[in-house]
Amino acid sequence: MFELSTADANPSAANKWIALAGVTTATTGAVSLATIIDRIKVIFPAKVLELLPNYQQYIYLALALAFITALPITFVKKVICLSLAELGFVSSLLYLSCALFGVFANGFEKIVLVVALLMILVFLVIFSSGFSYEIHEQKWSDFGLELAMLLIFLGIWLYPLIKIWRRV
């Protein structure tokens, strides 16, 4: 049961996602989420970002999602923990796109929603790629676990978009 999910994760892949999430400093040359956020604050004026009143909350949510979901892989180097870190990091990218909602104010709000929905579609395609292997190998417990995680993260991805959609 859960043979694929509890297999040992590739140590270099685990370290990469730990650094990307900002749990440790990026020594691999990878850009951490905190670096991306610093760039956002430099590129876009605060007055523009403030057109979405709680834009900073989305930034903090993005940091928290990446950080929290990467914590298990720092201690337990298993495939399931690596998957959680990956899903958490891409969730952070989606939440960062929500923080930029103010840039699309004054009639362009739906553009960021459509781009975010496209991001979600890409994430679904990427993270559902293991389904065919699990079905072929008849690893039903791993299939169910992956499906459950993906559905939970789909909810996490859609939640801010629904909140923003209601605001528009």
C-alpha atoms as a PDB file:
ATOM      1  CA  MET A   1       0.000   0.000   0.000  1.00  0.00           C
ATOM      2  CA  PHE A   2       1.312   3.457  -0.989  1.00  0.00           C
ATOM      3  CA  GLU A   3       4.469   1.897  -2.457  1.00  0.00           C
ATOM      4  CA  LEU A   4       5.151   4.764  -4.854  1.00  0.00           C
ATOM      5  CA  SER A   5       4.264   7.539  -2.414  1.00  0.00           C
ATOM      6  CA  THR A   6       6.486   6.228   0.360  1.00  0.00           C
ATOM      7  CA  ALA A   7       9.493   5.566  -1.867  1.00  0.00           C
ATOM      8  CA  ASP A   8      12.608   7.591  -1.168  1.00  0.00           C
ATOM      9  CA  ALA A   9      12.715  10.920  -2.972  1.00  0.00           C
ATOM     10  CA  ASN A  10      15.664  12.010  -5.064  1.00  0.00           C
ATOM     11  CA  PRO A  11      17.810  14.019  -2.589  1.00  0.00           C
ATOM     12  CA  SER A  12      18.778  16.688  -5.130  1.00  0.00           C
ATOM     13  CA  ALA A  13      15.128  17.187  -6.133  1.00  0.00           C
ATOM     14  CA  ALA A  14      14.162  17.438  -2.461  1.00  0.00           C
ATOM     15  CA  ASN A  15      16.872  20.029  -1.790  1.00  0.00           C
ATOM     16  CA  LYS A  16      15.801  22.030  -4.841  1.00  0.00           C
ATOM     17  CA  TRP A  17      12.206  22.353  -3.612  1.00  0.00           C
ATOM     18  CA  ILE A  18      13.325  23.140  -0.067  1.00  0.00           C
ATOM     19  CA  ALA A  19      15.419  26.014  -1.431  1.00  0.00           C
ATOM     20  CA  LEU A  20      12.697  27.243  -3.794  1.00  0.00           C
ATOM     21  CA  ALA A  21      10.224  27.411  -0.932  1.00  0.00           C
ATOM     22  CA  GLY A  22      12.677  29.410   1.159  1.00  0.00           C
ATOM     23  CA  VAL A  23      13.019  26.877   3.965  1.00  0.00           C
ATOM     24  CA  THR A  24      16.788  27.015   3.391  1.00  0.00           C
ATOM     25  CA  THR A  25      18.888  29.416   1.390  1.00  0.00           C
ATOM     26  CA  ALA A  26      19.148  28.675  -2.297  1.00  0.00           C
ATOM     27  CA  THR A  27      22.657  27.345  -2.845  1.00  0.00           C
ATOM     28  CA  THR A  28      21.764  25.681  -6.121  1.00  0.00           C
ATOM     29  CA  GLY A  29      21.368  28.947  -7.993  1.00  0.00           C
ATOM     30  CA  ALA A  30      17.590  28.561  -7.824  1.00  0.00           C
ATOM     31  CA  VAL A  31      15.483  31.625  -7.226  1.00  0.00           C
ATOM     32  CA  SER A  32      13.517  31.425  -4.002  1.00  0.00           C
ATOM     33  CA  LEU A  33       9.950  32.597  -3.609  1.00  0.00           C
ATOM     34  CA  ALA A  34      11.125  35.434  -1.360  1.00  0.00           C
ATOM     35  CA  THR A  35      13.346  36.704  -4.185  1.00  0.00           C
ATOM     36  CA  ILE A  36      10.381  36.709  -6.570  1.00  0.00           C
ATOM     37  CA  ILE A  37       8.317  38.676  -4.060  1.00  0.00           C
ATOM     38  CA  ASP A  38      11.102  41.237  -3.638  1.00  0.00           C
ATOM     39  CA  ARG A  39      11.160  41.679  -7.430  1.00  0.00           C
ATOM     40  CA  ILE A  40       7.382  42.183  -7.513  1.00  0.00           C
ATOM     41  CA  LYS A  41       7.649  44.944  -4.927  1.00  0.00           C
ATOM     42  CA  VAL A  42      10.403  46.652  -6.943  1.00  0.00           C
ATOM     43  CA  ILE A  43       8.728  46.337 -10.356  1.00  0.00           C
ATOM     44  CA  PHE A  44       5.185  47.359  -9.420  1.00  0.00           C
ATOM     45  CA  PRO A  45       4.451  50.559  -7.483  1.00  0.00           C
ATOM     46  CA  ALA A  46       2.619  50.033  -4.178  1.00  0.00           C
ATOM     47  CA  LYS A  47      -0.202  52.341  -5.330  1.00  0.00           C
ATOM     48  CA  VAL A  48      -0.931  50.017  -8.232  1.00  0.00           C
ATOM     49  CA  LEU A  49      -0.797  46.875  -6.110  1.00  0.00           C
ATOM     50  CA  GLU A  50      -3.035  48.522  -3.499  1.00  0.00           C
ATOM     51  CA  LEU A  51      -5.924  48.598  -5.977  1.00  0.00           C
ATOM     52  CA  LEU A  52      -6.583  45.139  -4.518  1.00  0.00           C
ATOM     53  CA  PRO A  53      -6.961  46.233  -0.878  1.00  0.00           C
ATOM     54  CA  ASN A  54      -5.554  43.066   0.679  1.00  0.00           C
ATOM     55  CA  TYR A  55      -2.837  42.309  -1.896  1.00  0.00           C
ATOM     56  CA  GLN A  56      -0.229  41.841   0.842  1.00  0.00           C
ATOM     57  CA  GLN A  57      -2.314  39.058   2.350  1.00  0.00           C
ATOM     58  CA  TYR A  58      -1.933  37.123  -0.918  1.00  0.00           C
ATOM     59  CA  ILE A  59       1.830  37.647  -0.765  1.00  0.00           C
ATOM     60  CA  TYR A  60       1.964  36.320   2.796  1.00  0.00           C
ATOM     61  CA  LEU A  61      -0.328  33.421   1.869  1.00  0.00           C
ATOM     62  CA  ALA A  62       2.017  32.580  -1.007  1.00  0.00           C
ATOM     63  CA  LEU A  63       5.031  32.543   1.308  1.00  0.00           C
ATOM     64  CA  ALA A  64       3.195  30.518   3.928  1.00  0.00           C
ATOM     65  CA  LEU A  65       1.923  27.925   1.431  1.00  0.00           C
ATOM     66  CA  ALA A  66       5.391  27.354  -0.015  1.00  0.00           C
ATOM     67  CA  PHE A  67       7.058  27.270   3.379  1.00  0.00           C
ATOM     68  CA  ILE A  68       4.562  25.030   5.173  1.00  0.00           C
ATOM     69  CA  THR A  69       4.284  22.479   2.372  1.00  0.00           C
ATOM     70  CA  ALA A  70       8.083  22.248   2.065  1.00  0.00           C
ATOM     71  CA  LEU A  71       8.634  21.547   5.761  1.00  0.00           C
ATOM     72  CA  PRO A  72       7.877  17.788   5.582  1.00  0.00           C
ATOM     73  CA  ILE A  73      10.471  17.190   2.836  1.00  0.00           C
ATOM     74  CA  THR A  74      13.157  18.776   5.018  1.00  0.00           C
ATOM     75  CA  PHE A  75      12.712  15.952   7.524  1.00  0.00           C
ATOM     76  CA  VAL A  76      11.226  13.043   5.567  1.00  0.00           C
ATOM     77  CA  LYS A  77      12.685  12.527   2.097  1.00  0.00           C
ATOM     78  CA  LYS A  78       9.771  10.591   0.584  1.00  0.00           C
ATOM     79  CA  VAL A  79       7.996  11.045  -2.765  1.00  0.00           C
ATOM     80  CA  ILE A  80       4.736  12.080  -1.070  1.00  0.00           C
ATOM     81  CA  CYS A  81       6.536  14.911   0.768  1.00  0.00           C
ATOM     82  CA  LEU A  82       8.203  15.998  -2.460  1.00  0.00           C
ATOM     83  CA  SER A  83       4.816  16.092  -4.190  1.00  0.00           C
ATOM     84  CA  LEU A  84       3.415  18.189  -1.362  1.00  0.00           C
ATOM     85  CA  ALA A  85       6.304  20.660  -1.668  1.00  0.00           C
ATOM     86  CA  GLU A  86       5.809  20.914  -5.436  1.00  0.00           C
ATOM     87  CA  LEU A  87       2.061  21.441  -5.120  1.00  0.00           C
ATOM     88  CA  GLY A  88       2.593  24.033  -2.400  1.00  0.00           C
ATOM     89  CA  PHE A  89       5.120  25.952  -4.464  1.00  0.00           C
ATOM     90  CA  VAL A  90       2.930  26.140  -7.566  1.00  0.00           C
ATOM     91  CA  SER A  91       0.050  27.173  -5.300  1.00  0.00           C
ATOM     92  CA  SER A  92       2.250  30.039  -4.144  1.00  0.00           C
ATOM     93  CA  LEU A  93       2.758  31.147  -7.731  1.00  0.00           C
ATOM     94  CA  LEU A  94      -0.997  31.270  -8.197  1.00  0.00           C
ATOM     95  CA  TYR A  95      -1.459  33.300  -5.016  1.00  0.00           C
ATOM     96  CA  LEU A  96       1.252  35.697  -6.195  1.00  0.00           C
ATOM     97  CA  SER A  97      -0.704  36.213  -9.397  1.00  0.00           C
ATOM     98  CA  CYS A  98      -3.677  37.155  -7.220  1.00  0.00           C
ATOM     99  CA  ALA A  99      -1.495  39.720  -5.425  1.00  0.00           C
ATOM    100  CA  LEU A 100      -0.934  41.368  -8.816  1.00  0.00           C
ATOM    101  CA  PHE A 101      -4.663  41.771  -9.368  1.00  0.00           C
ATOM    102  CA  GLY A 102      -4.412  45.535  -8.812  1.00  0.00           C
ATOM    103  CA  VAL A 103      -2.254  45.848 -11.921  1.00  0.00           C
ATOM    104  CA  PHE A 104      -5.266  44.674 -13.926  1.00  0.00           C
ATOM    105  CA  ALA A 105      -7.745  47.159 -12.435  1.00  0.00           C
ATOM    106  CA  ASN A 106      -9.986  49.468 -14.430  1.00  0.00           C
ATOM    107  CA  GLY A 107     -11.597  46.979 -16.754  1.00  0.00           C
ATOM    108  CA  PHE A 108      -8.822  44.392 -17.114  1.00  0.00           C
ATOM    109  CA  GLU A 109      -9.638  42.310 -14.029  1.00  0.00           C
ATOM    110  CA  LYS A 110     -10.901  39.331 -15.973  1.00  0.00           C
ATOM    111  CA  ILE A 111      -7.534  38.969 -17.725  1.00  0.00           C
ATOM    112  CA  VAL A 112      -5.775  37.966 -14.516  1.00  0.00           C
ATOM    113  CA  LEU A 113      -8.595  35.539 -13.749  1.00  0.00           C
ATOM    114  CA  VAL A 114      -8.267  33.892 -17.169  1.00  0.00           C
ATOM    115  CA  VAL A 115      -4.474  33.692 -16.853  1.00  0.00           C
ATOM    116  CA  ALA A 116      -4.840  32.164 -13.385  1.00  0.00           C
ATOM    117  CA  LEU A 117      -7.330  29.609 -14.728  1.00  0.00           C
ATOM    118  CA  LEU A 118      -4.830  28.724 -17.463  1.00  0.00           C
ATOM    119  CA  MET A 119      -2.165  28.280 -14.778  1.00  0.00           C
ATOM    120  CA  ILE A 120      -4.509  25.924 -12.934  1.00  0.00           C
ATOM    121  CA  LEU A 121      -5.092  23.950 -16.133  1.00  0.00           C
ATOM    122  CA  VAL A 122      -1.333  23.615 -16.652  1.00  0.00           C
ATOM    123  CA  PHE A 123      -0.866  22.519 -13.033  1.00  0.00           C
ATOM    124  CA  LEU A 124      -3.607  19.898 -13.409  1.00  0.00           C
ATOM    125  CA  VAL A 125      -2.000  18.493 -16.551  1.00  0.00           C
ATOM    126  CA  ILE A 126       1.448  18.369 -14.954  1.00  0.00           C
ATOM    127  CA  PHE A 127       0.370  16.844 -11.668  1.00  0.00           C
ATOM    128  CA  SER A 128      -2.045  14.312 -13.157  1.00  0.00           C
ATOM    129  CA  SER A 129       0.648  12.832 -15.397  1.00  0.00           C
ATOM    130  CA  GLY A 130       1.325  10.043 -12.896  1.00  0.00           C
ATOM    131  CA  PHE A 131      -2.220   8.720 -13.080  1.00  0.00           C
ATOM    132  CA  SER A 132      -1.606   6.572 -16.157  1.00  0.00           C
ATOM    133  CA  TYR A 133       1.436   4.911 -14.587  1.00  0.00           C
ATOM    134  CA  GLU A 134      -0.399   4.223 -11.347  1.00  0.00           C
ATOM    135  CA  ILE A 135      -3.343   2.737 -13.226  1.00  0.00           C
ATOM    136  CA  HIS A 136      -1.065   0.643 -15.456  1.00  0.00           C
ATOM    137  CA  GLU A 137       0.820  -0.673 -12.425  1.00  0.00           C
ATOM    138  CA  GLN A 138      -2.449  -1.076 -10.487  1.00  0.00           C
ATOM    139  CA  LYS A 139      -1.173   1.046  -7.598  1.00  0.00           C
ATOM    140  CA  TRP A 140      -4.677   2.030  -6.528  1.00  0.00           C
ATOM    141  CA  SER A 141      -3.744   3.419  -3.120  1.00  0.00           C
ATOM    142  CA  ASP A 142      -1.172   5.736  -4.717  1.00  0.00           C
ATOM    143  CA  PHE A 143      -3.691   6.714  -7.389  1.00  0.00           C
ATOM    144  CA  GLY A 144      -6.313   7.553  -4.752  1.00  0.00           C
ATOM    145  CA  LEU A 145      -3.832   9.518  -2.675  1.00  0.00           C
ATOM    146  CA  GLU A 146      -2.605  11.514  -5.668  1.00  0.00           C
ATOM    147  CA  LEU A 147      -6.173  12.198  -6.795  1.00  0.00           C
ATOM    148  CA  ALA A 148      -7.174  13.336  -3.287  1.00  0.00           C
ATOM    149  CA  MET A 149      -4.157  15.663  -3.023  1.00  0.00           C
ATOM    150  CA  LEU A 150      -4.829  17.106  -6.460  1.00  0.00           C
ATOM    151  CA  LEU A 151      -8.505  17.738  -5.678  1.00  0.00           C
ATOM    152  CA  ILE A 152      -7.609  19.430  -2.391  1.00  0.00           C
ATOM    153  CA  PHE A 153      -5.087  21.661  -4.131  1.00  0.00           C
ATOM    154  CA  LEU A 154      -7.596  22.405  -6.889  1.00  0.00           C
ATOM    155  CA  GLY A 155      -9.802  23.847  -4.153  1.00  0.00           C
ATOM    156  CA  ILE A 156      -6.848  25.830  -2.780  1.00  0.00           C
ATOM    157  CA  TRP A 157      -6.167  27.183  -6.277  1.00  0.00           C
ATOM    158  CA  LEU A 158      -9.780  28.094  -7.047  1.00  0.00           C
ATOM    159  CA  TYR A 159     -10.640  29.674  -3.695  1.00  0.00           C
ATOM    160  CA  PRO A 160      -8.857  33.034  -4.198  1.00  0.00           C
ATOM    161  CA  LEU A 161     -10.129  33.267  -7.768  1.00  0.00           C
ATOM    162  CA  ILE A 162     -13.713  32.841  -6.594  1.00  0.00           C
ATOM    163  CA  LYS A 163     -13.161  35.555  -3.973  1.00  0.00           C
ATOM    164  CA  ILE A 164     -11.706  37.896  -6.582  1.00  0.00           C
ATOM    165  CA  TRP A 165     -14.428  37.043  -9.118  1.00  0.00           C
ATOM    166  CA  ARG A 166     -17.084  38.062  -6.586  1.00  0.00           C
ATOM    167  CA  ARG A 167     -15.250  41.340  -6.073  1.00  0.00           C
ATOM    168  CA  VAL A 168     -15.174  42.225  -9.778  1.00  0.00           C
END
